[in-house]
Amino acid sequence: MDTAAQTARKDALGGLVVSYLGIDLGTSGLRALLVDDAGTPLGAAERSYPVANPAPGWSEQNPADWIAALEDAVAELRSRLPA
């Protein structure tokens, strides 16, 4: 998002932009979407993680992969937006 649009969205809280983080933890990956208080997207990130199939009809995931995916997605969003 460009800085001009963010500047226009500043509020009375010391120039902070109010934003919300949506997280979709799915079976094959994680999606994170950051929006402002009007619902305008500020950034999105997506991460995949492995699914193990130890036996026919079985699927397993490691919850640590979910956490790592979330941390990576949030770090990406933070790196692409002004502080």
Protein backbone atom coordinates (compact mmCIF):
# COMPACT_ATOMS: atom_id res chain seq x y z
CA MET A 1 0.00 0.00 0.00
CA ASP A 2 1.38 3.44 -0.77
CA THR A 3 2.13 5.93 1.96
CA ALA A 4 -0.29 8.53 0.59
CA ALA A 5 -3.23 6.18 1.16
CA GLN A 6 -1.99 5.31 4.63
CA THR A 7 -1.49 8.97 5.49
CA ALA A 8 -5.11 9.62 4.51
CA ARG A 9 -6.25 6.87 6.94
CA LYS A 10 -4.47 8.21 10.02
CA ASP A 11 -6.61 8.68 13.10
CA ALA A 12 -6.47 10.72 16.28
CA LEU A 13 -4.36 8.12 18.13
CA GLY A 14 -1.04 9.77 17.46
CA GLY A 15 -1.13 9.11 13.73
CA LEU A 16 -1.60 5.34 14.03
CA VAL A 17 -3.43 3.44 11.32
CA VAL A 18 -5.99 1.07 12.83
CA SER A 19 -5.61 -2.37 11.29
CA TYR A 20 -6.90 -5.91 11.73
CA LEU A 21 -5.18 -9.22 11.02
CA GLY A 22 -7.25 -12.08 9.61
CA ILE A 23 -5.74 -15.57 9.79
CA ASP A 24 -6.97 -18.59 7.82
CA LEU A 25 -5.35 -21.80 9.06
CA GLY A 26 -6.26 -24.37 6.42
CA THR A 27 -5.36 -27.97 5.79
CA SER A 28 -2.65 -27.16 3.25
CA GLY A 29 -1.51 -23.71 4.31
CA LEU A 30 -1.98 -20.48 6.18
CA ARG A 31 -3.17 -17.16 4.78
CA ALA A 32 -2.90 -13.85 6.59
CA LEU A 33 -4.64 -10.64 5.51
CA LEU A 34 -4.09 -7.22 7.04
CA VAL A 35 -6.87 -4.65 6.51
CA ASP A 36 -7.46 -1.12 7.75
CA ASP A 37 -10.53 -0.02 9.71
CA ALA A 38 -12.45 0.50 6.45
CA GLY A 39 -11.70 -3.05 5.28
CA THR A 40 -9.16 -1.96 2.66
CA PRO A 41 -6.42 -4.60 2.25
CA LEU A 42 -3.00 -3.41 3.41
CA GLY A 43 -1.14 -6.65 2.70
CA ALA A 44 -1.44 -10.42 2.42
CA ALA A 45 0.91 -13.35 2.94
CA GLU A 46 0.59 -17.07 2.39
CA ARG A 47 2.58 -20.04 3.68
CA SER A 48 2.22 -23.76 3.05
CA TYR A 49 3.16 -26.62 5.35
CA PRO A 50 3.54 -30.36 4.88
CA VAL A 51 0.87 -32.99 5.40
CA ALA A 52 2.13 -36.45 6.34
CA ASN A 53 0.25 -39.56 5.19
CA PRO A 54 1.62 -42.33 7.45
CA ALA A 55 -1.04 -44.83 6.36
CA PRO A 56 -3.76 -45.04 3.70
CA GLY A 57 -6.56 -42.63 4.58
CA TRP A 58 -4.54 -40.91 7.31
CA SER A 59 -3.33 -37.32 7.30
CA GLU A 60 -1.22 -35.74 10.01
CA GLN A 61 0.27 -32.31 10.60
CA ASN A 62 2.73 -30.93 13.09
CA PRO A 63 1.25 -27.95 14.99
CA ALA A 64 4.77 -26.45 15.15
CA ASP A 65 4.50 -26.01 11.36
CA TRP A 66 1.35 -23.93 11.85
CA ILE A 67 3.12 -21.67 14.34
CA ALA A 68 6.15 -21.27 12.08
CA ALA A 69 3.88 -20.42 9.13
CA LEU A 70 2.06 -17.77 11.18
CA GLU A 71 5.30 -16.23 12.42
CA ASP A 72 6.71 -16.11 8.88
CA ALA A 73 3.53 -14.60 7.40
CA VAL A 74 3.32 -11.89 10.07
CA ALA A 75 7.03 -11.11 9.65
CA GLU A 76 6.48 -10.70 5.91
CA LEU A 77 3.55 -8.34 6.44
CA ARG A 78 5.53 -6.29 8.95
CA SER A 79 8.51 -6.04 6.58
CA ARG A 80 6.37 -4.72 3.72
CA LEU A 81 4.56 -2.03 5.67
CA PRO A 82 5.90 1.18 7.19
CA ALA A 83 6.40 1.13 10.95
